[in-house]
Amino acid sequence: TLAQLDDALTSSGLFYPTHPGERGGSIGGNVATNAGGMRAVRDGVTRHHVLGVEMVLADGTVLRHGGKFVKSSTGLDLTQLIIGSEGSLGFATEIILRLSVRRTHSATLLAPFRTLEEVAQAIPSLVATGLEPAVLEYLDLLTMASITQAAGIDLGLDDSITATALAYLVIVLESTTSERVDDDLETVATLLGDLGALDTFVLPSGAGAALIDAREQAFYVAKANGATDIIDVVVPRAQIPEYLAAVAQIAADHSTFVAGCGHAGDGNVHLSIFETDATARHELLMNLFRAGIALGGTIS
């Protein structure tokens, strides 16, 4: 599992950076689905960290492709072909992973905004700076309130903030040195202020880790609160403002509400749907999917 792998690597100074949010997930399952997660903004998804595989085909044939090398430009890349194939082409029975240097210093920054529109506009500007956050997530008010309540987290925000903020950015910065993290924090905080953030808060390490863990449970919290569907739509990062505006308009047109959060850094939007009428629900989902595809996106 991912947890076992991380534990085994602790003393080596290395780590496997792909983290789709479920530490109990198997490496084989991650390869089969090309799992991503919150760290995709900096570290990419599973396929970026697999150098080779041993695979078993449906007829029992065993193939090996790739290996402990970086470059290979000979023939069809079967390694990349099997990643994300969900078992339809075969099963990976041995996997060679690319590891990274463990980043031992980190900080979690929380930035509340007055509106979701301001958050959406801030995301492309943050990405364009060239900074490389390990995590760049957005959460609307409903999602933030529900996950923190479910996890019993008190972020210590003033009432003036919680009464005003309708959306949040959560940014995790990591490096091998504390100086680099401090420099990046200063840069990001200044930029977020210019982009309309009500304030910026560097969370204590325990609260920061708890918030990230709670964000990873957002799917289950939404389902427990009555969400009928939770969908993933990915759009180009520059199109996030337009897509979130479209989501708000579609929800208004259907006289319903749609809650959301997502991996803002890679354009992945998670939407929680609360619509019990089957016909209206189908139309709502199709309109949300079409809006994303029209902006050059896809269904994840």
Protein backbone atom coordinates (compact mmCIF):
# COMPACT_ATOMS: atom_id res chain seq x y z
CA THR A 1 0.00 0.00 0.00
CA LEU A 2 1.00 3.66 -0.21
CA ALA A 3 1.27 3.81 3.58
CA GLN A 4 3.57 0.79 3.71
CA LEU A 5 5.74 2.21 0.95
CA ASP A 6 6.03 5.57 2.70
CA ASP A 7 6.94 3.90 5.99
CA ALA A 8 9.59 1.77 4.27
CA LEU A 9 11.17 4.84 2.69
CA THR A 10 11.24 7.04 5.79
CA SER A 11 14.87 6.42 6.71
CA SER A 12 16.10 6.69 3.11
CA GLY A 13 15.41 10.40 2.67
CA LEU A 14 13.23 9.57 -0.34
CA PHE A 15 9.48 9.36 -0.90
CA TYR A 16 6.89 8.48 -3.52
CA PRO A 17 5.15 11.80 -4.18
CA THR A 18 1.84 10.69 -5.71
CA HIS A 19 -0.82 10.83 -2.99
CA PRO A 20 -4.40 10.30 -4.18
CA GLY A 21 -5.85 10.68 -0.69
CA GLU A 22 -6.19 7.06 0.38
CA ARG A 23 -3.05 5.77 2.05
CA GLY A 24 -4.48 2.26 2.13
CA GLY A 25 -4.63 2.13 -1.66
CA SER A 26 -2.38 -0.37 -3.42
CA ILE A 27 0.40 0.62 -5.80
CA GLY A 28 -1.16 -1.66 -8.41
CA GLY A 29 -4.51 0.07 -8.03
CA ASN A 30 -2.86 3.46 -8.43
CA VAL A 31 -1.19 2.28 -11.64
CA ALA A 32 -4.43 0.77 -12.96
CA THR A 33 -6.30 4.05 -12.49
CA ASN A 34 -3.44 6.51 -13.04
CA ALA A 35 -4.30 7.99 -9.65
CA GLY A 36 -3.54 11.63 -8.99
CA GLY A 37 -4.65 13.64 -5.99
CA MET A 38 -3.82 16.91 -4.30
CA ARG A 39 -0.10 16.73 -5.04
CA ALA A 40 -0.59 16.54 -8.80
CA VAL A 41 -0.06 20.31 -9.10
CA ARG A 42 3.64 19.86 -8.37
CA ASP A 43 4.38 16.16 -8.64
CA GLY A 44 2.04 15.01 -11.40
CA VAL A 45 0.06 11.78 -11.40
CA THR A 46 1.02 8.12 -11.22
CA ARG A 47 2.26 7.82 -14.80
CA HIS A 48 4.93 10.44 -14.13
CA HIS A 49 6.53 8.20 -11.51
CA VAL A 50 6.46 4.75 -13.09
CA LEU A 51 9.63 3.68 -14.91
CA GLY A 52 8.69 0.12 -15.72
CA VAL A 53 6.25 -2.73 -15.16
CA GLU A 54 5.91 -6.45 -15.33
CA MET A 55 2.46 -7.22 -16.66
CA VAL A 56 0.37 -10.36 -17.11
CA LEU A 57 -1.98 -10.43 -20.09
CA ALA A 58 -5.35 -12.19 -20.26
CA ASP A 59 -3.82 -15.28 -21.89
CA GLY A 60 -1.18 -15.59 -19.18
CA THR A 61 1.65 -14.03 -21.17
CA VAL A 62 4.13 -12.20 -18.95
CA LEU A 63 5.73 -9.05 -20.39
CA ARG A 64 8.33 -6.72 -18.94
CA HIS A 65 8.79 -3.18 -20.15
CA GLY A 66 10.86 -0.27 -18.92
CA GLY A 67 13.37 -0.46 -16.11
CA LYS A 68 15.64 1.50 -13.81
CA PHE A 69 16.53 4.07 -16.44
CA VAL A 70 15.10 7.43 -17.40
CA LYS A 71 15.21 7.48 -21.19
CA SER A 72 13.85 4.92 -23.62
CA SER A 73 12.77 5.88 -27.13
CA THR A 74 12.61 2.40 -28.63
CA GLY A 75 9.25 1.11 -29.83
CA LEU A 76 5.82 1.31 -28.26
CA ASP A 77 5.82 2.44 -24.62
CA LEU A 78 3.86 -0.38 -23.04
CA THR A 79 4.51 0.98 -19.56
CA GLN A 80 2.53 4.14 -20.25
CA LEU A 81 -0.10 2.17 -22.15
CA ILE A 82 -0.99 -0.05 -19.21
CA ILE A 83 -1.10 2.85 -16.72
CA GLY A 84 -4.72 3.94 -16.44
CA SER A 85 -6.05 0.95 -18.41
CA GLU A 86 -7.92 -0.31 -15.31
CA GLY A 87 -7.00 -3.94 -15.95
CA SER A 88 -8.43 -4.03 -19.46
CA LEU A 89 -5.01 -4.71 -21.02
CA GLY A 90 -3.49 -6.76 -18.21
CA PHE A 91 -2.40 -6.66 -14.60
CA ALA A 92 0.79 -5.07 -13.34
CA THR A 93 2.54 -7.59 -11.07
CA GLU A 94 5.80 -5.69 -10.57
CA ILE A 95 6.25 -1.94 -10.72
CA ILE A 96 9.44 0.14 -10.82
CA LEU A 97 8.83 3.57 -9.31
CA ARG A 98 10.65 6.87 -9.61
CA LEU A 99 11.24 8.30 -6.14
CA SER A 100 11.93 11.89 -5.10
CA VAL A 101 13.96 13.54 -2.36
CA ARG A 102 11.80 13.87 0.74
CA ARG A 103 10.97 17.51 1.42
CA THR A 104 11.37 17.81 5.17
CA HIS A 105 10.13 21.38 5.69
CA SER A 106 6.58 22.50 4.99
CA ALA A 107 3.93 25.07 5.82
CA THR A 108 0.18 25.22 5.23
CA LEU A 109 -1.33 28.56 4.31
CA LEU A 110 -5.06 29.33 4.43
CA ALA A 111 -6.47 32.26 2.47
CA PRO A 112 -10.15 33.23 2.82
CA PHE A 113 -11.85 35.20 0.04
CA ARG A 114 -15.12 37.10 -0.10
CA THR A 115 -16.37 35.24 -3.15
CA LEU A 116 -15.73 32.06 -5.09
CA GLU A 117 -15.18 34.25 -8.15
CA GLU A 118 -12.19 35.91 -6.46
CA VAL A 119 -10.72 32.50 -5.63
CA ALA A 120 -11.19 31.36 -9.20
CA GLN A 121 -9.46 34.46 -10.55
CA ALA A 122 -6.56 34.03 -8.10
CA ILE A 123 -5.73 30.47 -9.14
CA PRO A 124 -4.25 31.17 -12.62
CA SER A 125 -2.32 34.13 -11.22
CA LEU A 126 -0.76 31.94 -8.52
CA VAL A 127 0.22 29.26 -11.02
CA ALA A 128 1.73 31.87 -13.35
CA THR A 129 4.23 33.00 -10.70
CA GLY A 130 6.35 29.90 -11.22
CA LEU A 131 6.08 28.92 -7.57
CA GLU A 132 5.56 25.21 -7.07
CA PRO A 133 3.15 24.55 -4.20
CA ALA A 134 2.86 20.91 -3.18
CA VAL A 135 -0.89 21.43 -2.72
CA LEU A 136 -3.19 24.12 -4.12
CA GLU A 137 -6.83 23.47 -3.21
CA TYR A 138 -9.98 25.53 -3.32
CA LEU A 139 -13.01 24.97 -1.09
CA ASP A 140 -16.32 26.77 -1.09
CA LEU A 141 -17.94 27.80 2.18
CA LEU A 142 -20.23 24.78 2.46
CA THR A 143 -17.41 22.31 1.89
CA MET A 144 -15.05 24.04 4.32
CA ALA A 145 -17.73 24.21 7.02
CA SER A 146 -18.80 20.60 6.60
CA ILE A 147 -15.34 19.02 6.58
CA THR A 148 -14.04 21.02 9.54
CA GLN A 149 -17.17 20.25 11.53
CA ALA A 150 -16.98 16.55 10.68
CA ALA A 151 -13.31 16.42 11.68
CA GLY A 152 -13.75 18.58 14.78
CA ILE A 153 -11.20 21.14 13.59
CA ASP A 154 -11.10 24.67 14.97
CA LEU A 155 -8.95 26.80 12.66
CA GLY A 156 -9.08 29.71 15.09
CA LEU A 157 -10.39 32.20 12.54
CA ASP A 158 -11.97 35.44 13.74
CA ASP A 159 -15.74 35.78 13.43
CA SER A 160 -15.16 38.68 11.05
CA ILE A 161 -13.48 36.25 8.65
CA THR A 162 -15.92 33.35 8.95
CA ALA A 163 -18.87 35.73 8.55
CA THR A 164 -17.45 37.21 5.36
CA ALA A 165 -15.51 34.50 3.53
CA LEU A 166 -17.42 32.44 0.97
CA ALA A 167 -14.43 30.49 -0.35
CA TYR A 168 -10.91 29.48 0.61
CA LEU A 169 -7.57 28.54 -0.87
CA VAL A 170 -5.40 26.02 0.95
CA ILE A 171 -1.75 26.03 -0.09
CA VAL A 172 0.98 23.70 1.12
CA LEU A 173 4.56 24.76 0.48
CA GLU A 174 7.38 22.24 0.84
CA SER A 175 11.14 22.29 0.44
CA THR A 176 14.32 20.69 1.69
CA THR A 177 15.13 23.91 3.59
CA SER A 178 13.10 26.06 5.96
CA GLU A 179 14.53 29.22 4.37
CA ARG A 180 12.98 28.38 1.02
CA VAL A 181 9.61 27.70 2.63
CA ASP A 182 9.74 31.03 4.49
CA ASP A 183 10.65 32.91 1.30
CA ASP A 184 7.81 31.26 -0.62
CA LEU A 185 5.34 31.98 2.18
CA GLU A 186 6.18 35.67 2.04
CA THR A 187 5.83 35.75 -1.74
CA VAL A 188 2.51 33.89 -1.75
CA ALA A 189 1.03 35.92 1.11
CA THR A 190 1.85 39.20 -0.65
CA LEU A 191 0.40 37.96 -3.93
CA LEU A 192 -2.79 36.67 -2.30
CA GLY A 193 -3.31 40.04 -0.64
CA ASP A 194 -3.02 41.71 -4.03
CA LEU A 195 -5.52 39.20 -5.45
CA GLY A 196 -8.19 40.03 -2.88
CA ALA A 197 -7.66 37.61 0.00
CA LEU A 198 -9.23 38.84 3.22
CA ASP A 199 -6.10 37.71 5.04
CA THR A 200 -3.57 34.87 5.00
CA PHE A 201 -2.94 32.47 7.86
CA VAL A 202 -0.02 30.11 8.33
CA LEU A 203 -1.62 27.26 10.23
CA PRO A 204 0.16 25.45 13.07
CA SER A 205 1.56 22.18 11.76
CA GLY A 206 -1.06 20.08 13.54
CA ALA A 207 -3.97 22.16 12.26
CA GLY A 208 -2.52 22.22 8.76
CA ALA A 209 -2.16 18.45 8.64
CA ALA A 210 -5.66 18.01 10.08
CA LEU A 211 -7.16 20.31 7.44
CA ILE A 212 -5.47 18.40 4.61
CA ASP A 213 -6.71 15.12 6.08
CA ALA A 214 -10.22 16.57 6.35
CA ARG A 215 -10.09 17.77 2.76
CA GLU A 216 -9.25 14.22 1.69
CA GLN A 217 -12.47 13.07 3.37
CA ALA A 218 -14.66 15.63 1.57
CA PHE A 219 -16.21 12.94 -0.64
CA TYR A 220 -17.42 10.92 2.35
CA VAL A 221 -18.63 14.01 4.21
CA ALA A 222 -20.65 15.15 1.20
CA LYS A 223 -22.25 11.72 0.84
CA ALA A 224 -23.09 11.67 4.55
CA ASN A 225 -24.75 15.07 4.13
CA GLY A 226 -27.01 13.82 1.36
CA ALA A 227 -25.10 14.38 -1.87
CA THR A 228 -26.66 12.27 -4.61
CA ASP A 229 -23.65 12.50 -6.91
CA ILE A 230 -20.06 13.66 -6.71
CA ILE A 231 -18.44 14.34 -10.05
CA ASP A 232 -14.97 15.25 -11.29
CA VAL A 233 -14.49 17.66 -14.16
CA VAL A 234 -11.06 18.84 -15.28
CA VAL A 235 -10.59 22.05 -17.25
CA PRO A 236 -7.47 23.97 -18.31
CA ARG A 237 -6.33 26.02 -15.33
CA ALA A 238 -6.90 29.29 -17.17
CA GLN A 239 -10.55 28.25 -17.63
CA ILE A 240 -11.28 27.61 -13.94
CA PRO A 241 -12.92 31.05 -13.42
CA GLU A 242 -15.18 30.56 -16.42
CA TYR A 243 -16.11 27.01 -15.42
CA LEU A 244 -16.97 27.87 -11.83
CA ALA A 245 -19.09 30.76 -13.09
CA ALA A 246 -20.86 28.33 -15.42
CA VAL A 247 -21.46 25.92 -12.52
CA ALA A 248 -23.08 28.69 -10.47
CA GLN A 249 -25.31 29.68 -13.39
CA ILE A 250 -26.31 26.07 -14.12
CA ALA A 251 -27.20 25.51 -10.46
CA ALA A 252 -29.29 28.69 -10.46
CA ASP A 253 -31.05 27.65 -13.68
CA HIS A 254 -31.97 24.34 -12.02
CA SER A 255 -33.05 26.03 -8.76
CA THR A 256 -30.62 23.87 -6.81
CA PHE A 257 -27.20 24.23 -5.28
CA VAL A 258 -23.91 22.58 -6.09
CA ALA A 259 -21.09 22.48 -3.54
CA GLY A 260 -17.50 22.21 -4.61
CA CYS A 261 -13.84 21.89 -3.88
CA GLY A 262 -10.94 20.70 -5.95
CA HIS A 263 -7.34 20.50 -6.98
CA ALA A 264 -7.18 24.09 -8.17
CA GLY A 265 -3.58 23.77 -9.26
CA ASP A 266 -4.36 21.22 -11.96
CA GLY A 267 -7.89 22.31 -12.89
CA ASN A 268 -9.66 19.36 -11.24
CA VAL A 269 -13.05 20.41 -9.87
CA HIS A 270 -15.04 18.13 -7.53
CA LEU A 271 -18.73 18.98 -7.44
CA SER A 272 -21.28 17.64 -4.95
CA ILE A 273 -24.80 17.41 -6.34
CA PHE A 274 -27.90 17.56 -4.13
CA GLU A 275 -30.78 16.74 -6.50
CA THR A 276 -33.15 13.85 -5.79
CA ASP A 277 -35.43 14.12 -8.83
CA ALA A 278 -34.02 11.65 -11.37
CA THR A 279 -34.91 13.63 -14.49
CA ALA A 280 -33.69 16.97 -13.12
CA ARG A 281 -30.56 15.28 -11.78
CA HIS A 282 -29.68 13.80 -15.16
CA GLU A 283 -30.15 17.13 -16.93
CA LEU A 284 -28.10 18.93 -14.28
CA LEU A 285 -25.21 16.47 -14.58
CA MET A 286 -25.20 16.63 -18.37
CA ASN A 287 -25.11 20.43 -18.32
CA LEU A 288 -22.20 20.42 -15.86
CA PHE A 289 -20.28 17.94 -18.01
CA ARG A 290 -21.02 19.85 -21.23
CA ALA A 291 -19.86 23.13 -19.70
CA GLY A 292 -16.49 21.61 -18.81
CA ILE A 293 -16.00 19.94 -22.17
CA ALA A 294 -16.91 23.17 -23.99
CA LEU A 295 -13.98 24.85 -22.21
CA GLY A 296 -11.51 22.23 -23.40
CA GLY A 297 -11.90 20.00 -20.35
CA THR A 298 -12.85 16.41 -19.75
CA ILE A 299 -14.64 14.18 -17.25
CA SER A 300 -12.17 12.73 -14.77
